[in-house]
Protein backbone atom coordinates (compact mmCIF):
# COMPACT_ATOMS: atom_id res chain seq x y z
CA MET A 1 24.24 -55.84 -5.09
CA LYS A 2 22.48 -53.36 -7.37
CA LEU A 3 20.93 -50.27 -5.78
CA ILE A 4 17.52 -49.27 -7.08
CA PRO A 5 16.73 -45.54 -6.89
CA PRO A 6 13.34 -44.39 -5.59
CA LYS A 7 10.51 -44.28 -8.12
CA TRP A 8 10.45 -40.47 -8.13
CA SER A 9 14.19 -40.16 -8.79
CA PRO A 10 13.89 -39.85 -12.62
CA PHE A 11 11.20 -37.21 -12.15
CA LEU A 12 13.41 -35.12 -9.85
CA GLN A 13 16.39 -35.54 -12.16
CA GLY A 14 14.29 -34.32 -15.08
CA LEU A 15 12.98 -31.39 -13.06
CA VAL A 16 16.48 -30.33 -12.01
CA LEU A 17 17.70 -30.65 -15.60
CA PHE A 18 14.77 -28.58 -16.87
CA PHE A 19 15.44 -25.71 -14.47
CA TRP A 20 19.19 -25.91 -14.98
CA LEU A 21 18.78 -25.61 -18.76
CA ASN A 22 16.20 -22.82 -18.52
CA GLN A 23 17.91 -20.75 -15.86
CA PRO A 24 19.79 -18.48 -18.30
CA ALA A 25 16.62 -17.88 -20.32
CA ILE A 26 14.58 -17.00 -17.25
CA PHE A 27 17.02 -14.52 -15.76
CA ALA A 28 18.24 -13.10 -19.07
CA GLN A 29 14.81 -11.58 -19.69
CA GLY A 30 15.31 -9.12 -16.85
CA GLN A 31 14.14 -9.35 -13.33
CA LYS A 32 10.41 -9.54 -12.83
CA GLN A 33 9.00 -7.40 -10.04
CA VAL A 34 6.54 -8.66 -7.44
CA THR A 35 4.36 -6.48 -5.25
CA LEU A 36 2.46 -8.16 -2.43
CA LYS A 37 1.23 -6.59 0.78
CA SER A 38 -0.12 -8.83 3.51
CA GLY A 39 0.02 -6.24 6.29
CA ASN A 40 -0.79 -7.87 9.63
CA THR A 41 -2.66 -10.73 7.96
CA ALA A 42 -0.78 -13.93 7.20
CA ILE A 43 -1.41 -15.32 3.72
CA SER A 44 -0.87 -18.84 2.42
CA LEU A 45 2.04 -19.81 0.21
CA ALA A 46 -0.51 -20.91 -2.40
CA ASP A 47 -1.84 -17.33 -2.53
CA ILE A 48 1.71 -15.98 -2.81
CA PHE A 49 2.43 -18.34 -5.71
CA LYS A 50 -0.84 -17.28 -7.36
CA ALA A 51 0.17 -13.60 -7.08
CA ILE A 52 3.58 -14.41 -8.56
CA ARG A 53 1.88 -16.11 -11.53
CA GLN A 54 -0.49 -13.17 -12.07
CA GLN A 55 2.23 -10.52 -11.86
CA THR A 56 5.10 -12.24 -13.67
CA GLY A 57 3.55 -14.95 -15.82
CA TYR A 58 5.76 -17.55 -14.12
CA THR A 59 4.25 -20.62 -12.49
CA VAL A 60 5.92 -21.95 -9.36
CA PHE A 61 6.07 -25.75 -9.32
CA TYR A 62 6.33 -27.57 -6.01
CA ASP A 63 5.44 -30.84 -4.34
CA ASN A 64 2.98 -30.78 -1.43
CA LEU A 65 4.94 -33.59 0.20
CA ILE A 66 7.92 -31.24 0.47
CA LEU A 67 6.23 -27.83 0.76
CA ASN A 68 2.96 -27.19 2.58
CA ASP A 69 1.24 -24.53 0.46
CA LYS A 70 -1.36 -23.95 3.19
CA GLU A 71 1.37 -22.62 5.49
CA LYS A 72 0.86 -18.93 6.13
CA MET A 73 3.33 -16.11 6.44
CA LYS A 74 3.39 -12.36 6.73
CA GLY A 75 5.38 -10.36 4.27
CA ASP A 76 5.33 -7.19 2.24
CA PHE A 77 7.06 -7.08 -1.12
CA ASN A 78 7.00 -3.76 -2.92
CA GLY A 79 8.50 -4.08 -6.39
CA SER A 80 10.86 -6.80 -5.17
CA ASP A 81 12.79 -8.95 -7.62
CA LEU A 82 11.33 -12.42 -8.08
CA PRO A 83 14.49 -14.26 -6.86
CA ALA A 84 14.46 -12.18 -3.67
CA VAL A 85 10.80 -13.03 -3.03
CA LEU A 86 11.43 -16.75 -3.59
CA LYS A 87 14.41 -16.70 -1.22
CA THR A 88 12.28 -15.05 1.45
CA ILE A 89 9.51 -17.60 1.30
């Protein structure tokens, strides 16, 4: 019996391959710094991703079926490295 992968499987494989191939280029340029202060106010992940794009020039790709970008969190990042910010969120 032949197993048929889900329809989105080639897309995910391509996405993983893209990031795997570009990882050295992204981190070889030096670490980008992110500064974001939410204080006592929770902000949405979409707003955090928007700030990352404005400050670093990088766009964060995600799937709303996997990650709810309306979810809110509190966090202050003052000159934090981009990988550290992404691990936190």
